[in-house]
Protein backbone atom coordinates (compact mmCIF):
# COMPACT_ATOMS: atom_id res chain seq x y z
CA MET A 1 0.00 0.00 0.00
CA ILE A 2 2.78 2.41 0.95
CA LYS A 3 4.73 1.61 -2.20
CA ARG A 4 1.60 2.19 -4.30
CA ILE A 5 1.10 5.62 -2.72
CA GLN A 6 4.76 6.44 -3.31
CA ARG A 7 4.45 5.47 -6.98
CA ARG A 8 1.33 7.63 -7.35
CA LEU A 9 3.08 10.58 -5.74
CA ALA A 10 6.05 10.12 -8.05
CA GLN A 11 3.70 10.01 -11.04
CA LEU A 12 1.95 13.17 -9.85
CA SER A 13 5.31 14.91 -9.39
CA GLU A 14 6.34 13.97 -12.91
CA LEU A 15 3.00 15.18 -14.30
CA LEU A 16 3.41 18.54 -12.54
CA ARG A 17 6.93 18.85 -13.96
CA LYS A 18 5.60 18.24 -17.47
CA VAL A 19 2.86 20.84 -17.00
CA ASP A 20 5.49 23.29 -15.79
CA ASP A 21 7.65 22.56 -18.85
CA LEU A 22 4.66 23.01 -21.13
CA GLN A 23 3.84 26.38 -19.56
CA LYS A 24 7.41 27.54 -20.15
CA ALA A 25 7.39 26.31 -23.75
CA VAL A 26 4.19 28.21 -24.50
CA GLY A 27 5.68 31.29 -22.85
CA ARG A 28 8.81 31.12 -25.01
CA LEU A 29 6.63 30.88 -28.12
CA GLU A 30 4.53 33.84 -26.97
CA ALA A 31 7.69 35.88 -26.37
CA ARG A 32 8.98 35.23 -29.89
CA LEU A 33 5.63 35.99 -31.52
CA GLY A 34 5.27 39.24 -29.58
CA GLU A 35 8.47 40.79 -30.94
CA VAL A 36 8.34 41.71 -34.63
CA PRO A 37 11.50 43.48 -35.92
CA GLY A 38 10.69 46.97 -37.14
CA ASP A 39 7.17 46.87 -35.72
CA ARG A 40 5.71 50.05 -34.25
CA GLU A 41 6.08 50.62 -30.52
CA LYS A 42 2.80 49.57 -28.96
CA PRO A 43 1.27 50.39 -25.58
CA LEU A 44 2.92 48.22 -22.95
CA ARG A 45 -0.19 46.17 -22.26
CA GLU A 46 -0.23 44.91 -25.87
CA TYR A 47 2.86 42.80 -25.11
CA GLU A 48 1.07 40.81 -22.42
CA PHE A 49 1.04 37.06 -22.09
CA ARG A 50 0.67 34.93 -19.01
CA VAL A 51 2.76 31.95 -17.94
CA PHE A 52 3.13 32.27 -14.16
CA SER A 53 2.03 35.87 -13.62
CA GLN A 54 -1.47 36.66 -12.39
CA TRP A 55 -2.31 38.75 -15.42
CA GLY A 56 -0.07 39.51 -18.43
CA GLU A 57 3.08 40.65 -16.68
CA ASP A 58 5.24 37.81 -18.04
CA GLY A 59 4.91 39.15 -21.57
CA ILE A 60 5.54 42.76 -20.57
CA ILE A 61 8.66 41.77 -18.64
CA GLN A 62 10.01 39.77 -21.58
CA HIS A 63 9.48 42.79 -23.81
CA LEU A 64 11.21 45.11 -21.36
CA ILE A 65 14.33 43.00 -20.83
CA ARG A 66 14.83 43.19 -24.59
CA ARG A 67 14.61 46.98 -24.48
CA VAL A 68 16.40 47.72 -21.21
CA PRO A 69 20.02 46.52 -20.89
CA VAL A 70 20.41 44.46 -17.72
CA ALA A 71 23.94 43.87 -16.45
CA ASN A 72 23.00 42.07 -13.23
CA THR A 73 20.19 39.57 -13.87
CA VAL A 74 18.87 39.55 -10.32
CA PHE A 75 15.34 40.26 -9.13
CA VAL A 76 13.61 40.96 -5.83
CA GLU A 77 9.91 40.25 -5.42
CA PHE A 78 7.80 40.32 -2.30
CA GLY A 79 4.19 39.42 -1.67
CA VAL A 80 4.64 36.17 -3.65
CA GLN A 81 2.53 33.78 -1.52
CA ASP A 82 3.58 30.26 -2.66
CA TYR A 83 5.22 31.59 -5.87
CA LYS A 84 2.95 29.54 -8.14
CA GLU A 85 1.63 32.85 -9.48
CA SER A 86 4.23 35.61 -9.59
CA ASN A 87 5.91 38.21 -11.79
CA THR A 88 9.42 36.74 -11.63
CA ARG A 89 9.00 32.97 -11.88
CA PHE A 90 9.20 32.97 -15.69
CA LEU A 91 12.35 35.10 -15.47
CA LEU A 92 13.81 32.53 -13.10
CA GLN A 93 12.92 29.46 -15.14
CA ASN A 94 13.03 30.76 -18.70
CA ASP A 95 15.83 33.34 -18.54
CA ASN A 96 17.85 31.79 -15.71
CA TRP A 97 17.82 34.93 -13.55
CA SER A 98 18.48 34.59 -9.84
CA GLY A 99 16.56 36.31 -7.11
CA LEU A 100 15.11 36.88 -3.68
CA VAL A 101 11.42 36.36 -2.89
CA MET A 102 9.72 37.17 0.40
CA ASP A 103 6.34 36.57 1.99
CA SER A 104 4.99 36.74 5.52
CA CYS A 105 3.38 33.28 5.41
CA ALA A 106 5.73 30.57 6.66
CA ALA A 107 3.73 27.79 4.99
CA ASP A 108 3.99 29.51 1.60
CA ILE A 109 7.75 29.96 1.95
CA GLU A 110 8.10 26.29 2.89
CA THR A 111 6.12 25.36 -0.24
CA ILE A 112 8.57 27.35 -2.38
CA ARG A 113 11.55 25.66 -0.74
CA ASP A 114 10.02 22.24 -1.36
CA ASP A 115 9.44 22.99 -5.06
CA MET A 116 11.84 21.45 -7.59
CA LEU A 117 12.70 24.92 -8.88
CA TYR A 118 14.39 25.70 -5.57
CA TYR A 119 17.30 23.37 -6.28
CA ARG A 120 17.25 23.87 -10.05
CA HIS A 121 17.63 27.64 -9.81
CA ASN A 122 19.41 30.24 -7.73
CA LEU A 123 16.45 31.39 -5.67
CA ARG A 124 16.29 32.46 -2.03
CA ALA A 125 12.88 32.40 -0.31
CA VAL A 126 12.55 34.28 2.98
CA CYS A 127 9.68 34.46 5.45
CA ALA A 128 9.32 38.03 6.74
CA PHE A 129 6.67 40.61 7.50
CA ILE A 130 7.97 43.58 5.53
CA ASP A 131 7.82 47.16 6.74
CA ARG A 132 9.67 50.33 5.79
CA ASP A 133 12.09 49.96 8.69
CA ASN A 134 13.29 46.45 7.88
CA ILE A 135 13.10 46.24 4.08
CA ASN A 136 16.66 47.38 3.35
CA ARG A 137 18.11 45.03 5.96
CA LEU A 138 16.08 42.10 4.62
CA ILE A 139 17.34 42.68 1.11
CA THR A 140 21.00 43.23 1.92
CA GLU A 141 21.34 40.45 4.50
CA ASN A 142 20.15 38.06 1.80
CA GLY A 143 22.94 39.03 -0.53
CA VAL A 144 21.27 41.58 -2.82
CA SER A 145 22.42 45.17 -3.25
CA GLY A 146 23.15 47.87 -5.81
CA ASP A 147 22.26 47.69 -9.50
CA ILE A 148 19.82 44.82 -10.14
CA GLY A 149 17.49 43.97 -12.98
CA LEU A 150 14.00 44.09 -11.51
CA LEU A 151 11.99 44.85 -8.37
CA SER A 152 8.36 43.73 -8.02
CA ILE A 153 6.22 45.02 -5.14
CA ASP A 154 2.79 43.60 -4.31
CA ILE A 155 1.88 43.64 -0.63
CA ASP A 156 -1.70 44.96 -0.80
CA GLY A 157 -1.46 48.27 0.97
CA ASN A 158 1.95 49.58 1.96
CA ASP A 159 3.51 49.26 -1.52
CA TYR A 160 4.13 53.02 -1.85
CA TRP A 161 5.75 53.34 1.56
CA ILE A 162 8.00 50.32 1.09
CA TRP A 163 9.25 51.50 -2.30
CA GLU A 164 9.84 54.96 -0.84
CA ALA A 165 12.04 53.39 1.87
CA ILE A 166 14.15 51.18 -0.41
CA ASP A 167 17.60 52.64 -1.03
CA CYS A 168 19.89 49.58 -0.95
CA ILE A 169 19.14 48.59 -4.56
CA THR A 170 18.70 50.53 -7.80
CA PRO A 171 16.60 48.21 -9.97
CA ARG A 172 16.46 48.97 -13.67
CA ILE A 173 12.79 47.95 -13.92
CA VAL A 174 10.20 48.37 -11.17
CA ILE A 175 6.72 46.85 -11.06
CA CYS A 176 4.43 48.17 -8.35
CA GLU A 177 0.79 47.50 -7.60
CA TYR A 178 -1.50 50.54 -7.50
CA ASP A 179 -5.07 51.09 -6.29
CA ASN A 180 -7.29 51.38 -9.33
CA LEU A 181 -10.21 52.73 -7.29
CA LEU A 182 -8.25 55.93 -6.60
CA GLY A 183 -8.17 56.94 -10.28
CA PRO A 184 -5.28 58.38 -12.31
CA ALA A 185 -5.30 62.06 -11.39
CA LEU A 186 -4.82 62.64 -7.65
CA ALA A 187 -1.55 61.68 -5.91
CA VAL A 188 -3.12 60.00 -2.88
CA VAL A 189 -2.11 57.08 -0.66
CA SER A 190 -3.48 55.39 2.42
CA PRO A 191 -1.52 56.48 5.54
CA TYR A 192 1.34 54.24 6.59
CA ASP A 193 0.50 51.52 9.06
CA ARG A 194 3.35 49.11 9.80
CA LEU A 195 0.94 46.26 10.53
CA PHE A 196 -1.42 47.02 7.66
CA GLU A 197 -3.59 44.15 6.43
CA LYS A 198 -6.42 44.73 3.96
CA THR A 199 -8.91 42.50 5.75
CA ARG A 200 -8.18 44.26 9.04
CA ALA A 201 -8.22 47.78 7.57
CA HIS A 202 -11.72 47.38 6.09
CA TYR A 203 -13.89 44.29 5.83
CA SER A 204 -14.56 44.95 2.11
CA TYR A 205 -10.90 44.28 1.19
CA LEU A 206 -11.08 47.43 -0.95
CA TYR A 207 -9.14 49.95 1.12
CA GLY A 208 -5.41 50.47 1.11
CA GLY A 209 -2.82 51.46 -1.46
CA ALA A 210 -1.62 54.29 -3.65
CA SER A 211 -3.00 55.90 -6.77
CA LEU A 212 -1.12 55.60 -10.06
CA SER A 213 -0.31 59.31 -9.84
CA ALA A 214 1.14 58.87 -6.34
CA LEU A 215 3.47 56.10 -7.52
CA THR A 216 4.49 58.16 -10.55
CA ARG A 217 5.32 61.09 -8.28
CA LEU A 218 7.43 58.83 -6.07
CA ALA A 219 9.14 57.32 -9.12
CA ARG A 220 10.18 60.72 -10.46
CA GLY A 221 11.86 61.52 -7.17
CA LYS A 222 13.79 58.26 -7.37
CA GLY A 223 14.85 58.77 -10.99
CA TYR A 224 12.28 56.57 -12.73
CA SER A 225 9.62 57.13 -15.38
CA LEU A 226 6.21 55.53 -15.74
CA ILE A 227 6.12 53.63 -19.04
CA GLY A 228 2.79 51.83 -18.84
CA SER A 229 0.44 49.56 -16.94
CA ASN A 230 -1.15 46.18 -17.47
CA SER A 231 -4.60 45.74 -18.98
CA ALA A 232 -6.02 44.51 -15.67
CA GLY A 233 -5.42 47.97 -14.22
CA ASN A 234 -3.44 47.06 -11.12
CA ASN A 235 0.28 46.97 -11.95
CA ALA A 236 2.40 49.91 -13.09
CA PHE A 237 5.80 49.61 -14.81
CA PHE A 238 8.71 52.00 -14.35
CA VAL A 239 12.17 52.18 -15.95
CA ARG A 240 15.20 54.00 -14.56
CA ASP A 241 15.65 57.28 -16.41
CA ASP A 242 19.26 56.62 -17.45
CA LEU A 243 18.12 53.48 -19.31
CA LEU A 244 15.01 54.71 -21.09
CA GLY A 245 16.66 54.95 -24.50
CA THR A 246 13.81 55.16 -27.02
CA ILE A 247 11.17 54.06 -24.49
CA ARG A 248 8.59 56.81 -24.19
CA PRO A 249 7.39 57.78 -20.70
CA VAL A 250 3.62 58.10 -20.29
CA SER A 251 1.36 60.00 -17.94
CA PRO A 252 -0.93 58.26 -15.41
CA GLU A 253 -3.97 59.50 -17.32
CA GLU A 254 -2.62 58.10 -20.59
CA THR A 255 -1.94 54.58 -19.36
CA PHE A 256 -4.74 54.19 -16.79
CA VAL A 257 -7.43 51.62 -17.57
CA ARG A 258 -10.53 50.95 -15.57
CA ALA A 259 -10.15 47.61 -13.77
CA GLN A 260 -12.80 45.01 -14.53
CA PHE A 261 -12.05 42.66 -11.62
CA ARG A 262 -14.41 42.91 -8.64
CA ASN A 263 -12.93 41.69 -5.39
CA SER A 264 -15.15 43.33 -2.77
CA ARG A 265 -16.21 41.28 0.27
CA ASP A 266 -19.02 41.42 2.78
CA THR A 267 -18.57 41.22 6.55
CA ASP A 268 -18.39 37.42 6.32
CA GLY A 269 -15.63 37.53 3.71
CA ALA A 270 -17.81 36.44 0.79
CA LEU A 271 -17.37 38.15 -2.59
CA THR A 272 -20.00 40.80 -3.36
CA PHE A 273 -18.88 41.88 -6.86
CA LEU A 274 -19.47 45.61 -6.31
CA GLY A 275 -18.99 48.04 -9.21
CA TYR A 276 -16.77 51.12 -9.14
CA GLU A 277 -19.22 53.63 -7.64
CA GLU A 278 -20.49 51.16 -5.04
CA SER A 279 -16.92 50.24 -4.07
CA LEU A 280 -15.96 53.88 -3.55
CA ALA A 281 -19.08 54.51 -1.49
CA ILE A 282 -18.48 51.62 0.89
CA ILE A 283 -15.00 52.91 1.82
CA GLY A 284 -15.93 56.58 1.49
CA ASP A 285 -15.01 57.49 5.08
CA MET A 286 -11.53 55.95 4.94
CA PRO A 287 -8.55 58.37 5.11
CA LEU A 288 -6.07 59.21 2.35
CA LEU A 289 -2.98 61.39 2.35
CA ASN A 290 -2.90 63.92 -0.49
CA LEU A 291 0.80 64.01 -1.39
CA GLU A 292 0.52 67.31 -3.26
CA THR A 293 -0.95 69.25 -0.35
CA GLY A 294 0.24 67.13 2.57
CA THR A 295 -3.32 67.09 3.93
CA MET A 296 -5.65 64.26 4.86
CA ILE A 297 -8.79 63.73 2.82
CA ARG A 298 -11.40 60.96 2.59
CA VAL A 299 -11.93 58.47 -0.20
CA ARG A 300 -15.29 60.14 -0.89
CA ASP A 301 -13.42 63.36 -1.77
CA ILE A 302 -11.91 61.85 -4.91
CA SER A 303 -13.42 63.63 -7.89
CA TYR A 304 -12.50 61.00 -10.52
CA ARG A 305 -15.35 58.98 -11.89
CA ALA A 306 -14.49 56.05 -14.12
CA PRO A 307 -15.99 56.09 -17.62
CA GLN A 308 -18.19 53.22 -18.61
CA PRO A 309 -16.24 50.43 -20.36
């Protein structure tokens, strides 16, 4: 009986490996098809394809590493959960980059360490609750510093504040999650809370994050330009100014798209599928910091109203 179970587990492991290989093969084909010599420069989201990323970030990243020279093929990504769905896994497995991934869930980090990719590739997985006071130490004590290829930030709330604090690395490409509900115009962000968790901050899971304009403002101060966003309307892409070359920076208004995903919850945690206006109304009393004026406002004070799709 035990030997039979062991054989079944071995068969399952082999099947998962083949699925993983198939995903990578499809991704490599997508990458080749997406790059046509002499073709016009398209909006960033038109280069999307998905292998391991949640949306189309894999394709955008493959496009960017062809446009942006990368001397040190190292990435840092945090907020990766079990790394099955992430922005850097295709880079690791397809392009043989190395990197550091972090998440606050010990079980998820253990899952990554138990995955076959952990011995096949140069990946370090660290369990840590990230805040703006420990982020630089966490990165440097795990062997990463200076000029690296890519930084991906997705921690559902404090993304702006963590990127603001990072000064131990100068990534050439930065991907950062933004709050689509806050629109493209105002530079606003939820106030810093070291222990921020979306479910604790508001039961709807809708509150917490920075507007696209806020991240663009931060990027300019760090020497980066906004070059586009994904079609899902939740991830923004930035390139270091000294490496832009012929890449054209864009404004938040130009690249903003209205998100179609609906992830609102009720008090029991069940999805409620609220639309844009309803989502804003339910978190209307929650505070935001206006970065332009340095004053506190409420979500209900945002004047942007999304156009109908």
